[in-house]
Amino acid sequence: MGTAIQIRNLSKEFSCCKALQGVNLNVDSGEMVALIGASGSGKSTLLRHISGFIAADAGEIVVMGNTVQQDGKVAPNIRRLRAEIGFVFQQFNLVGRLSVITNVLTGLLYRTSLWRSMLMRFSISERQQALEALVAVGIEQSAWQRAATLSGGQQQRAALARCLVQRAKVILADEPIASLDPESARNVMELLAQMNRERGCTVVVSLHQVEFALKYCARTVALRGGCVIYDGPSAALTPQLLGELYGNDAEELFGKVLKSPPKSIPAPLVPSPWAAV
């Protein structure tokens, strides 16, 4: 199967806190892994380091066999490497005044020349790819609307369509359902699971809602204070274990799970060969 993400002794300190403290983590190709923890635990910081948005103070990150950063320096060819890494933001990161299809087409910018990127010049075949991606996430009827006119759930679907057009082999989703209503949240998680299952994407998704980790991810990594405090089967995250890991914060963070834990989760997803949209 191979390893998609390798993290070795990753550390990052900001003026206010130690954001990451000697993090070691491997994610296999085709896995769908949940990151859980309270705000400030290091989830978003870790994802941004994996994509090369932030340089660490120390440590190494390798994605799909390529070094993203090492010993405080981001790889000089990071733009090319990011072509393999799709990033889904909590606040969608769409340009509201542009059409939905144009936002989706920006997923191609890492693979196009600088002048085409600046002029937003896309071929007919590329536009067809974008339309097919919108069909795949169920919002093709909104292709020519301004992105700002979509609901939150629709905007997040557009962000996932952008990853499809990008043909990302690794998808990093930073609390993608935090600002969505329950139905939209379920729809977005179903789409992430579908991309993992049918396209073989490796997915790492940070979540506050542990019930979604239990339902959609066979493996969960728990962070606290920038440290990995649990890495194992999601099914093992019993109310008792969550209490041990997070103490008095457990009920506030994961109250729904503590009151009514799910009985089971899906079996680990077996990736299919990567296919274009």
Protein backbone atom coordinates (compact mmCIF):
# COMPACT_ATOMS: atom_id res chain seq x y z
CA MET A 1 0.00 0.00 0.00
CA GLY A 2 2.84 2.42 0.80
CA THR A 3 3.07 5.48 3.01
CA ALA A 4 1.45 8.73 1.90
CA ILE A 5 2.55 10.99 4.77
CA GLN A 6 5.59 10.68 7.02
CA ILE A 7 6.17 13.14 9.88
CA ARG A 8 9.29 12.96 12.03
CA ASN A 9 9.94 14.94 15.23
CA LEU A 10 7.93 17.95 14.05
CA SER A 11 8.04 20.94 16.38
CA LYS A 12 6.72 24.49 16.10
CA GLU A 13 6.67 27.25 18.69
CA PHE A 14 4.81 30.54 18.39
CA SER A 15 5.27 33.48 20.74
CA CYS A 16 2.19 32.40 22.69
CA CYS A 17 2.69 28.65 22.91
CA LYS A 18 4.33 25.45 21.72
CA ALA A 19 2.00 24.54 18.89
CA LEU A 20 3.60 21.18 18.02
CA GLN A 21 5.95 19.18 20.21
CA GLY A 22 7.93 16.38 18.60
CA VAL A 23 5.06 14.98 16.52
CA ASN A 24 5.68 11.63 14.81
CA LEU A 25 3.02 10.28 12.51
CA ASN A 26 2.65 7.99 9.48
CA VAL A 27 -0.42 7.81 7.26
CA ASP A 28 -0.69 4.99 4.73
CA SER A 29 -1.88 5.54 1.18
CA GLY A 30 -5.64 5.19 0.98
CA GLU A 31 -6.29 5.77 4.68
CA MET A 32 -8.96 8.14 6.00
CA VAL A 33 -7.73 9.44 9.35
CA ALA A 34 -9.43 11.79 11.81
CA LEU A 35 -7.57 14.39 13.89
CA ILE A 36 -9.42 15.33 17.06
CA GLY A 37 -8.74 17.74 19.90
CA ALA A 38 -9.80 21.02 21.40
CA SER A 39 -9.13 24.39 19.80
CA GLY A 40 -5.43 25.12 20.19
CA SER A 41 -4.46 21.46 20.31
CA GLY A 42 -2.45 21.73 17.09
CA LYS A 43 -4.78 20.17 14.51
CA SER A 44 -4.84 23.06 12.03
CA THR A 45 -1.17 23.82 12.57
CA LEU A 46 -0.25 20.23 11.77
CA LEU A 47 -2.27 20.19 8.55
CA ARG A 48 -0.73 23.48 7.40
CA HIS A 49 2.74 22.08 7.98
CA ILE A 50 1.93 18.97 5.93
CA SER A 51 0.94 21.17 2.98
CA GLY A 52 3.99 23.38 3.36
CA PHE A 53 2.03 26.53 4.21
CA ILE A 54 4.07 26.91 7.42
CA ALA A 55 7.72 26.09 8.07
CA ALA A 56 8.43 24.12 11.24
CA ASP A 57 11.19 24.90 13.72
CA ALA A 58 12.46 21.32 13.48
CA GLY A 59 11.54 17.99 11.97
CA GLU A 60 10.75 16.52 8.58
CA ILE A 61 7.63 15.94 6.47
CA VAL A 62 7.52 13.67 3.41
CA VAL A 63 4.38 13.42 1.27
CA MET A 64 4.08 10.81 -1.50
CA GLY A 65 7.82 10.21 -1.31
CA ASN A 66 8.74 13.90 -1.69
CA THR A 67 10.19 16.05 1.08
CA VAL A 68 7.84 18.94 1.80
CA GLN A 69 10.03 20.46 4.49
CA GLN A 70 13.02 19.61 6.62
CA ASP A 71 14.85 21.32 9.50
CA GLY A 72 12.86 24.53 9.27
CA LYS A 73 12.99 24.93 5.48
CA VAL A 74 10.13 24.37 3.05
CA ALA A 75 11.17 22.58 -0.15
CA PRO A 76 12.01 24.98 -2.99
CA ASN A 77 9.77 23.00 -5.37
CA ILE A 78 6.77 23.23 -3.01
CA ARG A 79 4.46 24.60 -5.73
CA ARG A 80 4.92 21.43 -7.75
CA LEU A 81 4.51 19.24 -4.67
CA ARG A 82 1.25 20.95 -3.74
CA ALA A 83 -0.25 19.68 -6.98
CA GLU A 84 -0.56 16.34 -5.15
CA ILE A 85 -2.08 17.86 -1.99
CA GLY A 86 -5.64 19.18 -1.85
CA PHE A 87 -6.54 21.43 1.06
CA VAL A 88 -10.12 21.96 2.24
CA PHE A 89 -10.53 24.96 4.53
CA GLN A 90 -13.13 25.51 7.24
CA GLN A 91 -14.21 28.76 5.60
CA PHE A 92 -14.16 27.25 2.08
CA ASN A 93 -11.48 29.63 0.70
CA LEU A 94 -13.50 30.46 -2.42
CA VAL A 95 -13.45 33.79 -4.25
CA GLY A 96 -17.01 34.98 -3.75
CA ARG A 97 -17.21 37.28 -6.79
CA LEU A 98 -16.06 34.55 -9.20
CA SER A 99 -18.30 31.84 -10.61
CA VAL A 100 -18.37 28.44 -8.98
CA ILE A 101 -16.78 26.78 -12.01
CA THR A 102 -13.92 29.29 -12.03
CA ASN A 103 -13.26 28.56 -8.36
CA VAL A 104 -13.17 24.86 -9.16
CA LEU A 105 -10.76 25.46 -12.04
CA THR A 106 -8.28 27.08 -9.66
CA GLY A 107 -7.46 23.52 -8.63
CA LEU A 108 -5.45 23.36 -11.86
CA LEU A 109 -3.23 26.33 -11.07
CA TYR A 110 -0.47 24.23 -9.49
CA ARG A 111 -0.21 22.31 -12.78
CA THR A 112 -0.34 25.22 -15.23
CA SER A 113 2.24 27.79 -16.32
CA LEU A 114 2.56 31.06 -14.46
CA TRP A 115 1.16 33.17 -17.29
CA ARG A 116 -1.93 30.95 -17.64
CA SER A 117 -2.43 31.10 -13.89
CA MET A 118 -2.28 34.90 -13.87
CA LEU A 119 -4.70 35.22 -16.83
CA MET A 120 -7.00 32.41 -15.62
CA ARG A 121 -6.87 30.85 -19.09
CA PHE A 122 -8.41 27.37 -19.18
CA SER A 123 -9.00 25.06 -22.12
CA ILE A 124 -12.34 23.55 -23.13
CA SER A 125 -11.25 20.15 -21.84
CA GLU A 126 -10.29 21.67 -18.50
CA ARG A 127 -13.67 23.35 -18.22
CA GLN A 128 -15.29 20.02 -19.00
CA GLN A 129 -13.31 18.44 -16.16
CA ALA A 130 -14.59 21.13 -13.81
CA LEU A 131 -18.20 20.50 -14.85
CA GLU A 132 -17.75 16.76 -14.32
CA ALA A 133 -16.34 17.46 -10.85
CA LEU A 134 -19.38 19.58 -10.00
CA VAL A 135 -21.61 16.76 -11.19
CA ALA A 136 -19.69 14.38 -8.91
CA VAL A 137 -20.41 16.55 -5.85
CA GLY A 138 -24.00 17.29 -6.90
CA ILE A 139 -23.97 21.05 -7.56
CA GLU A 140 -23.56 21.22 -11.35
CA GLN A 141 -26.68 23.41 -11.57
CA SER A 142 -24.78 26.16 -9.72
CA ALA A 143 -21.73 26.16 -12.01
CA TRP A 144 -22.24 29.72 -13.30
CA GLN A 145 -23.46 31.33 -10.08
CA ARG A 146 -21.16 33.55 -8.06
CA ALA A 147 -19.65 31.47 -5.26
CA ALA A 148 -20.90 33.98 -2.69
CA THR A 149 -24.52 33.06 -3.50
CA LEU A 150 -24.12 29.42 -2.40
CA SER A 151 -24.96 28.02 1.00
CA GLY A 152 -22.17 26.89 3.29
CA GLY A 153 -22.68 23.24 2.42
CA GLN A 154 -22.66 24.01 -1.31
CA GLN A 155 -19.48 26.08 -0.97
CA GLN A 156 -17.74 23.19 0.77
CA ARG A 157 -18.88 20.88 -2.04
CA ALA A 158 -17.32 23.31 -4.51
CA ALA A 159 -14.09 23.14 -2.51
CA LEU A 160 -14.15 19.35 -2.80
CA ALA A 161 -14.79 19.61 -6.54
CA ARG A 162 -11.67 21.78 -6.72
CA CYS A 163 -9.69 18.88 -5.16
CA LEU A 164 -11.16 16.52 -7.77
CA VAL A 165 -10.04 18.75 -10.64
CA GLN A 166 -6.64 19.05 -8.99
CA ARG A 167 -6.47 15.22 -8.92
CA ALA A 168 -5.01 15.46 -5.46
CA LYS A 169 -3.69 12.19 -4.06
CA VAL A 170 -3.73 13.54 -0.51
CA ILE A 171 -6.61 15.62 0.85
CA LEU A 172 -6.17 17.62 4.05
CA ALA A 173 -9.49 18.88 5.42
CA ASP A 174 -9.26 21.44 8.23
CA GLU A 175 -12.52 21.23 10.21
CA PRO A 176 -14.53 21.20 6.97
CA ILE A 177 -17.89 20.75 8.74
CA ALA A 178 -17.41 23.08 11.71
CA SER A 179 -19.61 25.85 10.28
CA LEU A 180 -22.23 23.62 8.63
CA ASP A 181 -25.66 22.44 9.70
CA PRO A 182 -25.95 18.71 10.58
CA GLU A 183 -27.31 17.62 7.19
CA SER A 184 -24.67 19.54 5.23
CA ALA A 185 -22.00 18.18 7.56
CA ARG A 186 -23.08 14.61 6.85
CA ASN A 187 -23.11 15.29 3.11
CA VAL A 188 -19.58 16.70 3.16
CA MET A 189 -18.25 13.78 5.21
CA GLU A 190 -19.97 11.33 2.84
CA LEU A 191 -18.23 13.02 -0.10
CA LEU A 192 -14.84 12.82 1.61
CA ALA A 193 -15.43 9.13 2.33
CA GLN A 194 -16.48 8.57 -1.27
CA MET A 195 -13.32 10.26 -2.58
CA ASN A 196 -11.30 8.04 -0.25
CA ARG A 197 -13.13 4.87 -1.22
CA GLU A 198 -13.62 5.31 -4.97
CA ARG A 199 -10.60 7.39 -5.97
CA GLY A 200 -8.03 6.09 -3.51
CA CYS A 201 -7.35 9.52 -2.01
CA THR A 202 -5.57 9.61 1.32
CA VAL A 203 -7.71 11.81 3.59
CA VAL A 204 -6.73 13.47 6.87
CA VAL A 205 -9.64 15.41 8.37
CA SER A 206 -9.59 17.44 11.59
CA LEU A 207 -12.81 17.37 13.58
CA HIS A 208 -14.34 18.68 16.78
CA GLN A 209 -17.24 16.27 16.41
CA VAL A 210 -15.94 12.89 17.52
CA GLU A 211 -19.13 11.15 16.43
CA PHE A 212 -18.11 11.88 12.82
CA ALA A 213 -14.64 10.44 13.42
CA LEU A 214 -16.23 7.29 14.81
CA LYS A 215 -18.59 6.96 11.86
CA TYR A 216 -16.31 7.74 8.93
CA CYS A 217 -12.69 7.08 9.99
CA ALA A 218 -11.26 3.73 10.99
CA ARG A 219 -8.30 5.48 12.65
CA THR A 220 -8.17 8.53 14.90
CA VAL A 221 -5.23 10.62 16.06
CA ALA A 222 -5.89 12.73 19.16
CA LEU A 223 -3.87 15.87 19.91
CA ARG A 224 -3.53 17.84 23.10
CA GLY A 225 -1.13 20.70 23.65
CA GLY A 226 0.66 19.99 20.39
CA CYS A 227 1.36 16.36 21.30
CA VAL A 228 -0.09 13.12 19.98
CA ILE A 229 -1.83 11.50 22.95
CA TYR A 230 -3.64 8.74 21.07
CA ASP A 231 -3.17 7.06 17.70
CA GLY A 232 -5.27 4.00 17.05
CA PRO A 233 -8.64 2.53 16.11
CA SER A 234 -11.57 4.92 16.33
CA ALA A 235 -13.65 2.09 17.75
CA ALA A 236 -11.43 2.11 20.86
CA LEU A 237 -12.41 5.71 21.72
CA THR A 238 -14.81 4.79 24.48
CA PRO A 239 -16.24 7.41 26.85
CA GLN A 240 -13.81 6.16 29.48
CA LEU A 241 -10.78 6.58 27.22
CA LEU A 242 -11.87 10.05 26.10
CA GLY A 243 -12.21 10.98 29.76
CA GLU A 244 -8.69 9.75 30.46
CA LEU A 245 -7.27 11.62 27.48
CA TYR A 246 -9.01 14.96 27.98
CA GLY A 247 -10.03 15.02 31.64
CA ASN A 248 -12.58 17.67 32.52
CA ASP A 249 -12.65 18.91 28.92
CA ALA A 250 -13.95 15.59 27.58
CA GLU A 251 -17.66 16.16 28.17
CA GLU A 252 -17.57 19.70 26.76
CA LEU A 253 -15.69 18.55 23.67
CA PHE A 254 -17.32 15.21 23.06
CA GLY A 255 -20.50 15.27 25.09
CA LYS A 256 -22.67 13.66 22.43
CA VAL A 257 -20.34 10.69 22.14
CA LEU A 258 -20.01 10.34 25.89
CA LYS A 259 -23.78 10.17 26.26
CA SER A 260 -24.45 7.87 23.32
CA PRO A 261 -21.35 6.27 21.78
CA PRO A 262 -21.78 4.61 18.38
CA LYS A 263 -21.74 0.80 18.44
CA SER A 264 -19.46 0.39 15.45
CA ILE A 265 -17.69 2.11 12.57
CA PRO A 266 -17.16 1.07 8.96
CA ALA A 267 -14.30 -1.27 8.15
CA PRO A 268 -11.12 0.44 6.86
CA LEU A 269 -11.63 1.65 3.32
CA VAL A 270 -9.65 -0.16 0.65
CA PRO A 271 -8.45 2.32 -1.96
CA SER A 272 -9.14 1.85 -5.64
CA PRO A 273 -6.60 2.97 -8.24
CA TRP A 274 -6.59 6.72 -8.76
CA ALA A 275 -8.95 7.74 -11.52
CA ALA A 276 -9.44 11.09 -13.17
CA VAL A 277 -12.75 12.90 -12.88
